[in-house]
C-alpha cells in the first residue's frame, strides 16, 4: 500500500507532537501519552507489547519510519478486510452463502459477467482454471481466486 504525501505529512506532525524531547524518536512514555490522547488506556503489558511490535530494530524507541510502517500496516489490514467483505457480498449475490458455504453456478457467473456487465474477457477459460473439482460450480475459495 502506498501512502500519499498528505497522509505522511499528518503522520509526521503527529509524531513530532509526541516526540516531546525532540530526539527524533518516541519512547515508551511518549507512546503512552500518544495512545492516551487517542482514547486508549493501555496497561503496562499492552504498552510493552505495542512498543515491541512497532520497534522493528529493538532500540526501545520508535523512529518515524517505524511509526509510518505501523500506520501503513494498519491501513493495509483494513483494506484486506474490506476486500474480503466485498468478495463475500459478490459470492452471496451469485447464490453462495454469507458464511462462505454453498456455490456459485458457473453458468450464472458467465451470464452476469457477459450479459449484465458486458465484459469481453474470456471468463469461461478463467472459470475452467478456477473450478478445481470440475463440478461446474465455484465454492468460496475458487470464487475468491477471481479477485486475487
Protein backbone atom coordinates (compact mmCIF):
# COMPACT_ATOMS: atom_id res chain seq x y z
CA UNK A 1 0.00 0.00 0.00
CA UNK A 2 1.35 3.42 -0.92
CA UNK A 3 0.70 6.30 1.46
CA UNK A 4 0.03 9.70 -0.07
CA UNK A 5 2.12 12.76 0.81
CA UNK A 6 -0.70 14.44 2.74
CA UNK A 7 -1.11 11.41 5.00
CA UNK A 8 2.66 11.14 5.53
CA UNK A 9 2.76 14.83 6.50
CA UNK A 10 -0.05 14.33 9.04
CA UNK A 11 1.84 11.37 10.49
CA UNK A 12 5.00 13.49 10.70
CA UNK A 13 3.10 16.23 12.56
CA UNK A 14 1.59 13.70 14.99
CA UNK A 15 4.99 12.08 15.51
CA UNK A 16 6.66 15.42 16.20
CA UNK A 17 3.88 16.42 18.61
CA UNK A 18 4.51 13.36 20.77
CA UNK A 19 8.30 13.39 20.42
CA UNK A 20 8.35 15.79 23.36
CA UNK A 21 12.09 15.81 23.89
CA UNK A 22 12.85 16.36 20.17
CA UNK A 23 15.02 13.24 20.00
CA UNK A 24 13.58 12.07 16.69
CA UNK A 25 12.13 9.01 18.40
CA UNK A 26 9.13 8.18 20.56
CA UNK A 27 9.99 6.34 23.75
CA UNK A 28 7.63 4.26 25.89
CA UNK A 29 6.43 7.20 27.99
CA UNK A 30 5.78 9.35 24.92
CA UNK A 31 3.92 6.45 23.28
CA UNK A 32 1.76 6.08 26.37
CA UNK A 33 0.79 9.76 26.09
CA UNK A 34 0.06 9.33 22.37
CA UNK A 35 -2.20 6.33 22.99
CA UNK A 36 -3.99 8.12 25.83
CA UNK A 37 -4.53 11.14 23.56
CA UNK A 38 -6.45 8.93 21.10
CA UNK A 39 -8.60 7.44 23.84
CA UNK A 40 -6.65 4.30 24.67
CA UNK A 41 -5.66 3.37 28.21
CA UNK A 42 -3.04 0.65 27.75
CA UNK A 43 -1.80 -1.43 30.65
CA UNK A 44 1.96 -1.61 31.10
CA UNK A 45 1.94 -5.03 29.42
CA UNK A 46 -0.12 -3.79 26.46
CA UNK A 47 2.19 -0.80 26.07
CA UNK A 48 5.26 -3.05 26.19
CA UNK A 49 3.74 -5.40 23.56
CA UNK A 50 2.74 -2.48 21.32
CA UNK A 51 6.24 -0.98 21.51
CA UNK A 52 7.81 -4.38 20.74
CA UNK A 53 5.55 -4.82 17.69
CA UNK A 54 6.33 -1.38 16.26
CA UNK A 55 10.01 -1.10 17.30
CA UNK A 56 11.48 -3.16 14.46
CA UNK A 57 15.14 -2.53 15.29
CA UNK A 58 14.79 -3.27 19.01
CA UNK A 59 16.15 0.05 20.28
CA UNK A 60 13.26 0.57 22.71
CA UNK A 61 12.27 3.71 20.82
CA UNK A 62 10.22 4.24 17.68
CA UNK A 63 11.74 6.13 14.78
CA UNK A 64 9.49 7.92 12.28
CA UNK A 65 9.92 5.19 9.64
CA UNK A 66 8.72 2.56 12.13
CA UNK A 67 5.82 4.82 13.14
CA UNK A 68 4.83 5.23 9.49
CA UNK A 69 5.09 1.49 8.76
CA UNK A 70 2.78 0.78 11.71
CA UNK A 71 0.15 3.06 10.17
CA UNK A 72 0.71 1.54 6.76
CA UNK A 73 0.16 -1.99 8.16
CA UNK A 74 -2.97 -0.87 9.98
CA UNK A 75 -4.42 0.70 6.83
CA UNK A 76 -3.50 -2.35 4.77
CA UNK A 77 -5.28 -4.66 7.20
CA UNK A 78 -8.42 -2.58 6.97
CA UNK A 79 -8.27 -2.73 3.18
CA UNK A 80 -7.87 -6.52 3.23
CA UNK A 81 -10.95 -6.85 5.44
CA UNK A 82 -12.93 -4.57 3.14
CA UNK A 83 -11.86 -6.63 0.11
CA UNK A 84 -12.88 -9.86 1.86
CA UNK A 85 -16.31 -8.42 2.70
CA UNK A 86 -16.78 -7.26 -0.91
CA UNK A 87 -15.92 -10.76 -2.15
CA UNK A 88 -18.41 -12.34 0.26
CA UNK A 89 -21.10 -9.88 -0.91
CA UNK A 90 -20.47 -10.85 -4.55
CA UNK A 91 -20.48 -14.56 -3.63
CA UNK A 92 -23.86 -14.18 -1.88
CA UNK A 93 -25.31 -12.13 -4.76
CA UNK A 94 -24.47 -15.00 -7.10
CA UNK A 95 -26.00 -17.71 -4.91
CA UNK A 96 -23.42 -18.56 -2.26
CA UNK A 97 -23.91 -18.30 1.49
CA UNK A 98 -22.84 -15.39 3.68
CA UNK A 99 -20.85 -17.85 5.78
CA UNK A 100 -18.84 -18.82 2.65
CA UNK A 101 -20.84 -22.02 2.24
CA UNK A 102 -22.58 -23.08 -0.94
CA UNK A 103 -21.58 -22.47 -4.51
CA UNK A 104 -21.83 -20.10 -7.44
CA UNK A 105 -23.09 -21.78 -10.59
CA UNK A 106 -20.54 -21.11 -13.33
CA UNK A 107 -23.25 -20.63 -15.99
CA UNK A 108 -24.80 -17.89 -13.84
CA UNK A 109 -21.40 -16.27 -13.33
CA UNK A 110 -20.71 -16.30 -17.07
CA UNK A 111 -24.12 -14.73 -17.75
CA UNK A 112 -23.55 -11.98 -15.20
CA UNK A 113 -20.06 -11.15 -16.46
CA UNK A 114 -21.03 -11.12 -20.13
CA UNK A 115 -24.66 -10.01 -20.17
CA UNK A 116 -25.09 -7.79 -17.12
CA UNK A 117 -21.61 -6.26 -17.07
CA UNK A 118 -20.87 -6.52 -20.80
CA UNK A 119 -17.30 -7.62 -20.17
CA UNK A 120 -15.43 -9.24 -23.02
CA UNK A 121 -12.87 -11.22 -21.08
CA UNK A 122 -12.60 -14.97 -21.63
CA UNK A 123 -14.44 -15.82 -18.43
CA UNK A 124 -15.05 -19.45 -19.46
CA UNK A 125 -11.32 -20.12 -19.62
CA UNK A 126 -10.74 -18.44 -16.28
CA UNK A 127 -13.55 -20.42 -14.64
CA UNK A 128 -12.17 -23.63 -16.12
CA UNK A 129 -8.86 -22.93 -14.38
CA UNK A 130 -10.51 -21.99 -11.09
CA UNK A 131 -13.07 -24.84 -10.91
CA UNK A 132 -10.59 -27.28 -9.38
CA UNK A 133 -13.05 -30.16 -8.94
CA UNK A 134 -14.65 -29.55 -12.39
CA UNK A 135 -18.20 -29.71 -11.00
CA UNK A 136 -19.50 -26.63 -12.84
CA UNK A 137 -19.73 -24.69 -9.56
CA UNK A 138 -17.31 -22.48 -7.66
CA UNK A 139 -17.02 -22.76 -3.89
CA UNK A 140 -15.91 -19.68 -1.96
CA UNK A 141 -12.17 -20.36 -2.27
CA UNK A 142 -12.45 -20.92 -6.02
CA UNK A 143 -14.65 -17.83 -6.41
CA UNK A 144 -12.37 -15.61 -4.30
CA UNK A 145 -9.42 -16.57 -6.54
CA UNK A 146 -11.11 -14.50 -9.28
CA UNK A 147 -10.15 -11.37 -7.35
CA UNK A 148 -6.55 -12.17 -6.47
